[in-house]
Each structure stands twice: as structure tokens, then as C-alpha cells.
Amino acid sequence: TAMMSLGRLFEKGLGTRQDYPQAMAWFRKAAAAGNGDAMAGMGVLYFNGWGVPKSYAKAVKWMRKAAAAGNEGVVLAVGGFYFKGWGVPRSYTKAMKWFHKAAAEGNAAAMLAIGGFYLKGWGVPRSYTRAVKWFRKAAAAGNVAAMFVVGGFYLKGQGVPLSYTKAMKWFRKAAAAGNGDAMSGVGAIY
């Protein structure tokens, strides 16, 4: 909508001077008309304290509204608020719920986060097998860090049978995508 676009222009300082209070004013108008992107924009302003007092509680409130209005881009962020306990009580269970929503939308970072939950046992029973499953999904979705982690699972035989060949395959994939740690992993196997 035009109101959302005006808010974004003021937020970024495109074609005008950067003016966060003006951005918020336009985001509010667009949000009142049901625009999920504007709701997310308000969440970002509150999160960073740009033009408004910093408030994680207001940021997560607007991010949840944005998600309810169909903005898929904020679903991962809402999970992060619950994981960190920013503006809401820390809840691994609620974080995991939001990460699963984001993963269902194809978000590789959410898949990586779910793998981390299983790896660390945050709010779920620790399971290398489930961790590997989610890190593989993230890797298949293009997450380079996940490619490196999958290689590590094969190198250590955690959640998968020990296989230097498969470890090397995953480290090479990650290295080819620019992961410096994976380059070291390749060297360690030789």
C-alpha cells in the first residue's frame, strides 16, 4: 500500500531524509488497514528503538500481529523472541512452535535452529538423530553452516554412522560455499 511504502521510505531515508517517527506514523496507518508488512516494520522500530522507546514487548506484539496477518518473514523472529526471552517469558516450547512454522515455510535458518534444539536438548529430549535430520533439511535448503555441521556429525559418528567419506563430502560442500571452518575440516581429514 502507499502508506506502507511511505513508511519504508522514511525508515530507510530513500528520496527523503531518514525520519523514524514519520516512518512509525505511516506504518501505524498501514497497520490499522491490516498491512502485515507495516506491522513488521513497527516491530523492527520498537526492537531497535528507532524513533520510539526501545521495547521488546511491543516489538514481539507487532511481530506476532504481522505473522497473523500473513507476513511469513517475521515468523522466525517471533521464535527468536521466545528463545531469548525478549519481551516475553523465555519458552523453548513456544520458540520451537514458531521455528516449526517458519521451517514449514521453507526457512533454512529455522531448520538450523530446530536442529540446534535437538543437539542441545533445549525443551526437547537431546537427540543427535533428530538434530542431523533437521541440519540436513537446512543444508538442503542452502544453509552453509548446516552443511558444515552435518559433516561434523559424520566425522564424529553422532546420530549417523561414522564416515570420513561423507564427512568430507559435506565439508567440501560447505567449503565450496565459502565456509572457512569447513575448509579446515577438509584439511583435518587429510
C-alpha atoms as a PDB file:
ATOM      1  CA  THR A   1       0.000   0.000   0.000  1.00  0.00           C
ATOM      2  CA  ALA A   2       1.040   3.611  -0.393  1.00  0.00           C
ATOM      3  CA  MET A   3       1.066   4.143   3.375  1.00  0.00           C
ATOM      4  CA  MET A   4       3.433   1.205   3.860  1.00  0.00           C
ATOM      5  CA  SER A   5       5.660   2.461   1.068  1.00  0.00           C
ATOM      6  CA  LEU A   6       5.851   5.919   2.615  1.00  0.00           C
ATOM      7  CA  GLY A   7       6.772   4.372   5.948  1.00  0.00           C
ATOM      8  CA  ARG A   8       9.569   2.374   4.332  1.00  0.00           C
ATOM      9  CA  LEU A   9      10.898   5.464   2.517  1.00  0.00           C
ATOM     10  CA  PHE A  10      11.083   7.406   5.795  1.00  0.00           C
ATOM     11  CA  GLU A  11      12.577   4.418   7.614  1.00  0.00           C
ATOM     12  CA  LYS A  12      15.365   3.977   5.048  1.00  0.00           C
ATOM     13  CA  GLY A  13      15.801   7.633   4.101  1.00  0.00           C
ATOM     14  CA  LEU A  14      15.103   6.957   0.428  1.00  0.00           C
ATOM     15  CA  GLY A  15      14.232  10.109  -1.523  1.00  0.00           C
ATOM     16  CA  THR A  16      13.814  11.969   1.754  1.00  0.00           C
ATOM     17  CA  ARG A  17      15.668  12.399   4.998  1.00  0.00           C
ATOM     18  CA  GLN A  18      15.537   9.419   7.324  1.00  0.00           C
ATOM     19  CA  ASP A  19      12.785  10.058   9.847  1.00  0.00           C
ATOM     20  CA  TYR A  20      11.826   7.195  12.146  1.00  0.00           C
ATOM     21  CA  PRO A  21       8.888   8.972  13.820  1.00  0.00           C
ATOM     22  CA  GLN A  22       7.408   9.632  10.356  1.00  0.00           C
ATOM     23  CA  ALA A  23       8.074   6.012   9.410  1.00  0.00           C
ATOM     24  CA  MET A  24       6.218   4.881  12.529  1.00  0.00           C
ATOM     25  CA  ALA A  25       3.298   7.212  11.784  1.00  0.00           C
ATOM     26  CA  TRP A  26       2.900   5.750   8.278  1.00  0.00           C
ATOM     27  CA  PHE A  27       3.417   2.181   9.492  1.00  0.00           C
ATOM     28  CA  ARG A  28       0.673   2.729  12.092  1.00  0.00           C
ATOM     29  CA  LYS A  29      -1.763   3.917   9.423  1.00  0.00           C
ATOM     30  CA  ALA A  30      -0.958   0.981   7.153  1.00  0.00           C
ATOM     31  CA  ALA A  31      -1.144  -1.467  10.086  1.00  0.00           C
ATOM     32  CA  ALA A  32      -4.568  -0.115  11.029  1.00  0.00           C
ATOM     33  CA  ALA A  33      -5.615  -1.025   7.478  1.00  0.00           C
ATOM     34  CA  GLY A  34      -4.363  -4.607   8.070  1.00  0.00           C
ATOM     35  CA  ASN A  35      -0.964  -4.420   6.332  1.00  0.00           C
ATOM     36  CA  GLY A  36       1.271  -7.147   7.808  1.00  0.00           C
ATOM     37  CA  ASP A  37       4.461  -5.612   6.409  1.00  0.00           C
ATOM     38  CA  ALA A  38       3.680  -2.371   8.247  1.00  0.00           C
ATOM     39  CA  MET A  39       3.097  -4.326  11.456  1.00  0.00           C
ATOM     40  CA  ALA A  40       6.505  -5.940  10.987  1.00  0.00           C
ATOM     41  CA  GLY A  41       8.012  -2.505  10.323  1.00  0.00           C
ATOM     42  CA  MET A  42       6.602  -1.284  13.626  1.00  0.00           C
ATOM     43  CA  GLY A  43       8.115  -4.323  15.323  1.00  0.00           C
ATOM     44  CA  VAL A  44      11.530  -3.507  13.866  1.00  0.00           C
ATOM     45  CA  LEU A  45      11.324   0.116  15.034  1.00  0.00           C
ATOM     46  CA  TYR A  46      10.374  -0.957  18.563  1.00  0.00           C
ATOM     47  CA  PHE A  47      13.057  -3.663  18.601  1.00  0.00           C
ATOM     48  CA  ASN A  48      15.796  -1.196  17.670  1.00  0.00           C
ATOM     49  CA  GLY A  49      14.419   1.835  19.482  1.00  0.00           C
ATOM     50  CA  TRP A  50      14.346   3.823  16.256  1.00  0.00           C
ATOM     51  CA  GLY A  51      12.131   6.873  16.713  1.00  0.00           C
ATOM     52  CA  VAL A  52      10.356   5.208  19.657  1.00  0.00           C
ATOM     53  CA  PRO A  53      11.479   3.979  23.057  1.00  0.00           C
ATOM     54  CA  LYS A  54      13.060   0.536  22.667  1.00  0.00           C
ATOM     55  CA  SER A  55      10.551  -2.127  23.703  1.00  0.00           C
ATOM     56  CA  TYR A  56      10.935  -5.843  23.077  1.00  0.00           C
ATOM     57  CA  ALA A  57       7.401  -6.382  24.410  1.00  0.00           C
ATOM     58  CA  LYS A  58       5.937  -4.046  21.779  1.00  0.00           C
ATOM     59  CA  ALA A  59       8.258  -5.452  19.114  1.00  0.00           C
ATOM     60  CA  VAL A  60       7.105  -9.037  19.662  1.00  0.00           C
ATOM     61  CA  LYS A  61       3.469  -7.916  19.920  1.00  0.00           C
ATOM     62  CA  TRP A  62       3.673  -6.318  16.463  1.00  0.00           C
ATOM     63  CA  MET A  63       5.689  -9.186  15.003  1.00  0.00           C
ATOM     64  CA  ARG A  64       3.029 -11.674  16.150  1.00  0.00           C
ATOM     65  CA  LYS A  65       0.317  -9.458  14.613  1.00  0.00           C
ATOM     66  CA  ALA A  66       2.332  -9.328  11.387  1.00  0.00           C
ATOM     67  CA  ALA A  67       2.577 -13.129  11.343  1.00  0.00           C
ATOM     68  CA  ALA A  68      -1.172 -13.423  11.940  1.00  0.00           C
ATOM     69  CA  ALA A  69      -1.709 -11.029   9.025  1.00  0.00           C
ATOM     70  CA  GLY A  70       0.262 -13.353   6.741  1.00  0.00           C
ATOM     71  CA  ASN A  71       3.780 -11.917   6.910  1.00  0.00           C
ATOM     72  CA  GLU A  72       5.885 -15.096   6.761  1.00  0.00           C
ATOM     73  CA  GLY A  73       9.149 -13.185   7.118  1.00  0.00           C
ATOM     74  CA  VAL A  74       8.627 -12.470  10.815  1.00  0.00           C
ATOM     75  CA  VAL A  75       7.774 -15.997  11.967  1.00  0.00           C
ATOM     76  CA  LEU A  76      11.438 -16.873  12.614  1.00  0.00           C
ATOM     77  CA  ALA A  77      11.906 -13.605  14.527  1.00  0.00           C
ATOM     78  CA  VAL A  78       8.965 -14.370  16.829  1.00  0.00           C
ATOM     79  CA  GLY A  79      10.583 -17.716  17.620  1.00  0.00           C
ATOM     80  CA  GLY A  80      13.770 -15.847  18.435  1.00  0.00           C
ATOM     81  CA  PHE A  81      11.929 -13.589  20.889  1.00  0.00           C
ATOM     82  CA  TYR A  82      10.678 -16.645  22.770  1.00  0.00           C
ATOM     83  CA  PHE A  83      14.091 -18.325  22.618  1.00  0.00           C
ATOM     84  CA  LYS A  84      15.850 -15.264  24.059  1.00  0.00           C
ATOM     85  CA  GLY A  85      13.042 -14.199  26.385  1.00  0.00           C
ATOM     86  CA  TRP A  86      12.870 -10.750  24.789  1.00  0.00           C
ATOM     87  CA  GLY A  87       9.596  -9.052  25.699  1.00  0.00           C
ATOM     88  CA  VAL A  88       8.015 -12.413  26.585  1.00  0.00           C
ATOM     89  CA  PRO A  89       8.871 -15.081  29.132  1.00  0.00           C
ATOM     90  CA  ARG A  90      11.583 -17.380  27.749  1.00  0.00           C
ATOM     91  CA  SER A  91       9.931 -20.512  26.393  1.00  0.00           C
ATOM     92  CA  TYR A  92      11.762 -23.128  24.360  1.00  0.00           C
ATOM     93  CA  THR A  93       8.416 -24.797  23.665  1.00  0.00           C
ATOM     94  CA  LYS A  94       6.922 -21.634  22.133  1.00  0.00           C
ATOM     95  CA  ALA A  95      10.169 -20.873  20.301  1.00  0.00           C
ATOM     96  CA  MET A  96      10.120 -24.354  18.802  1.00  0.00           C
ATOM     97  CA  LYS A  97       6.475 -23.889  17.726  1.00  0.00           C
ATOM     98  CA  TRP A  98       7.375 -20.706  15.839  1.00  0.00           C
ATOM     99  CA  PHE A  99      10.541 -22.251  14.361  1.00  0.00           C
ATOM    100  CA  HIS A 100       8.466 -25.195  13.079  1.00  0.00           C
ATOM    101  CA  LYS A 101       6.069 -22.717  11.408  1.00  0.00           C
ATOM    102  CA  ALA A 102       8.996 -20.959   9.742  1.00  0.00           C
ATOM    103  CA  ALA A 103      10.562 -24.292   8.703  1.00  0.00           C
ATOM    104  CA  ALA A 104       7.260 -25.338   7.127  1.00  0.00           C
ATOM    105  CA  GLU A 105       7.535 -22.159   5.032  1.00  0.00           C
ATOM    106  CA  GLY A 106      10.982 -23.286   3.839  1.00  0.00           C
ATOM    107  CA  ASN A 107      13.068 -21.102   6.154  1.00  0.00           C
ATOM    108  CA  ALA A 108      16.520 -22.733   6.354  1.00  0.00           C
ATOM    109  CA  ALA A 109      17.543 -20.704   9.421  1.00  0.00           C
ATOM    110  CA  ALA A 110      14.521 -22.101  11.282  1.00  0.00           C
ATOM    111  CA  MET A 111      15.524 -25.632  10.285  1.00  0.00           C
ATOM    112  CA  LEU A 112      19.021 -24.921  11.607  1.00  0.00           C
ATOM    113  CA  ALA A 113      17.528 -23.634  14.880  1.00  0.00           C
ATOM    114  CA  ILE A 114      15.381 -26.762  15.308  1.00  0.00           C
ATOM    115  CA  GLY A 115      18.468 -28.900  14.741  1.00  0.00           C
ATOM    116  CA  GLY A 116      20.222 -26.898  17.438  1.00  0.00           C
ATOM    117  CA  PHE A 117      17.359 -27.510  19.869  1.00  0.00           C
ATOM    118  CA  TYR A 118      17.722 -31.276  19.401  1.00  0.00           C
ATOM    119  CA  LEU A 119      21.510 -31.076  19.568  1.00  0.00           C
ATOM    120  CA  LYS A 120      21.454 -29.148  22.862  1.00  0.00           C
ATOM    121  CA  GLY A 121      18.281 -30.648  24.337  1.00  0.00           C
ATOM    122  CA  TRP A 122      16.555 -27.278  24.715  1.00  0.00           C
ATOM    123  CA  GLY A 123      12.954 -28.044  25.619  1.00  0.00           C
ATOM    124  CA  VAL A 124      13.124 -31.398  23.822  1.00  0.00           C
ATOM    125  CA  PRO A 125      14.951 -34.642  24.571  1.00  0.00           C
ATOM    126  CA  ARG A 126      18.503 -34.428  23.243  1.00  0.00           C
ATOM    127  CA  SER A 127      18.714 -36.453  20.032  1.00  0.00           C
ATOM    128  CA  TYR A 128      21.615 -36.492  17.588  1.00  0.00           C
ATOM    129  CA  THR A 129      19.438 -38.410  15.130  1.00  0.00           C
ATOM    130  CA  ARG A 130      16.766 -35.699  15.085  1.00  0.00           C
ATOM    131  CA  ALA A 131      19.403 -32.980  15.075  1.00  0.00           C
ATOM    132  CA  VAL A 132      21.020 -34.497  11.969  1.00  0.00           C
ATOM    133  CA  LYS A 133      17.611 -34.730  10.281  1.00  0.00           C
ATOM    134  CA  TRP A 134      16.989 -31.008  10.763  1.00  0.00           C
ATOM    135  CA  PHE A 135      20.536 -29.928   9.910  1.00  0.00           C
ATOM    136  CA  ARG A 136      20.265 -31.961   6.675  1.00  0.00           C
ATOM    137  CA  LYS A 137      16.986 -30.190   5.846  1.00  0.00           C
ATOM    138  CA  ALA A 138      18.651 -26.833   6.461  1.00  0.00           C
ATOM    139  CA  ALA A 139      21.614 -27.856   4.303  1.00  0.00           C
ATOM    140  CA  ALA A 140      19.289 -28.979   1.513  1.00  0.00           C
ATOM    141  CA  ALA A 141      17.638 -25.557   1.730  1.00  0.00           C
ATOM    142  CA  GLY A 142      21.057 -23.936   1.191  1.00  0.00           C
ATOM    143  CA  ASN A 143      22.218 -23.180   4.737  1.00  0.00           C
ATOM    144  CA  VAL A 144      26.019 -23.361   4.591  1.00  0.00           C
ATOM    145  CA  ALA A 145      26.500 -23.585   8.372  1.00  0.00           C
ATOM    146  CA  ALA A 146      24.233 -26.635   8.406  1.00  0.00           C
ATOM    147  CA  MET A 147      26.365 -28.300   5.705  1.00  0.00           C
ATOM    148  CA  PHE A 148      29.405 -27.906   7.945  1.00  0.00           C
ATOM    149  CA  VAL A 149      27.551 -29.267  10.994  1.00  0.00           C
ATOM    150  CA  VAL A 150      26.328 -32.327   9.079  1.00  0.00           C
ATOM    151  CA  GLY A 151      29.945 -33.009   8.123  1.00  0.00           C
ATOM    152  CA  GLY A 152      30.853 -32.857  11.808  1.00  0.00           C
ATOM    153  CA  PHE A 153      28.185 -35.418  12.680  1.00  0.00           C
ATOM    154  CA  TYR A 154      29.676 -37.861  10.161  1.00  0.00           C
ATOM    155  CA  LEU A 155      33.203 -37.108  11.343  1.00  0.00           C
ATOM    156  CA  LYS A 156      32.244 -37.969  14.946  1.00  0.00           C
ATOM    157  CA  GLY A 157      29.654 -40.636  14.204  1.00  0.00           C
ATOM    158  CA  GLN A 158      26.962 -38.756  16.136  1.00  0.00           C
ATOM    159  CA  GLY A 159      23.414 -39.559  15.030  1.00  0.00           C
ATOM    160  CA  VAL A 160      24.803 -41.204  11.897  1.00  0.00           C
ATOM    161  CA  PRO A 161      27.347 -43.954  11.272  1.00  0.00           C
ATOM    162  CA  LEU A 162      30.937 -42.694  11.356  1.00  0.00           C
ATOM    163  CA  SER A 163      32.009 -41.949   7.782  1.00  0.00           C
ATOM    164  CA  TYR A 164      35.032 -39.905   6.797  1.00  0.00           C
ATOM    165  CA  THR A 165      33.877 -40.097   3.176  1.00  0.00           C
ATOM    166  CA  LYS A 166      30.508 -38.499   3.982  1.00  0.00           C
ATOM    167  CA  ALA A 167      32.144 -36.019   6.356  1.00  0.00           C
ATOM    168  CA  MET A 168      34.459 -34.969   3.529  1.00  0.00           C
ATOM    169  CA  LYS A 169      31.505 -34.665   1.121  1.00  0.00           C
ATOM    170  CA  TRP A 170      29.666 -32.297   3.478  1.00  0.00           C
ATOM    171  CA  PHE A 171      32.784 -30.309   4.395  1.00  0.00           C
ATOM    172  CA  ARG A 172      33.571 -29.861   0.695  1.00  0.00           C
ATOM    173  CA  LYS A 173      30.020 -28.631   0.008  1.00  0.00           C
ATOM    174  CA  ALA A 174      30.296 -26.123   2.823  1.00  0.00           C
ATOM    175  CA  ALA A 175      33.806 -25.086   1.802  1.00  0.00           C
ATOM    176  CA  ALA A 176      32.708 -24.575  -1.811  1.00  0.00           C
ATOM    177  CA  ALA A 177      30.016 -22.256  -0.460  1.00  0.00           C
ATOM    178  CA  GLY A 178      32.648 -20.241   1.436  1.00  0.00           C
ATOM    179  CA  ASN A 179      32.619 -21.734   4.939  1.00  0.00           C
ATOM    180  CA  GLY A 180      36.169 -21.310   6.306  1.00  0.00           C
ATOM    181  CA  ASP A 181      35.651 -23.805   9.131  1.00  0.00           C
ATOM    182  CA  ALA A 182      34.722 -26.429   6.553  1.00  0.00           C
ATOM    183  CA  MET A 183      37.970 -25.766   4.712  1.00  0.00           C
ATOM    184  CA  SER A 184      39.779 -26.598   7.963  1.00  0.00           C
ATOM    185  CA  GLY A 185      37.597 -29.709   8.306  1.00  0.00           C
ATOM    186  CA  VAL A 186      38.728 -30.915   4.886  1.00  0.00           C
ATOM    187  CA  GLY A 187      42.329 -30.371   5.911  1.00  0.00           C
ATOM    188  CA  ALA A 188      41.850 -32.226   9.202  1.00  0.00           C
ATOM    189  CA  ILE A 189      40.594 -35.342   7.409  1.00  0.00           C
ATOM    190  CA  TYR A 190      43.683 -35.444   5.162  1.00  0.00           C
END
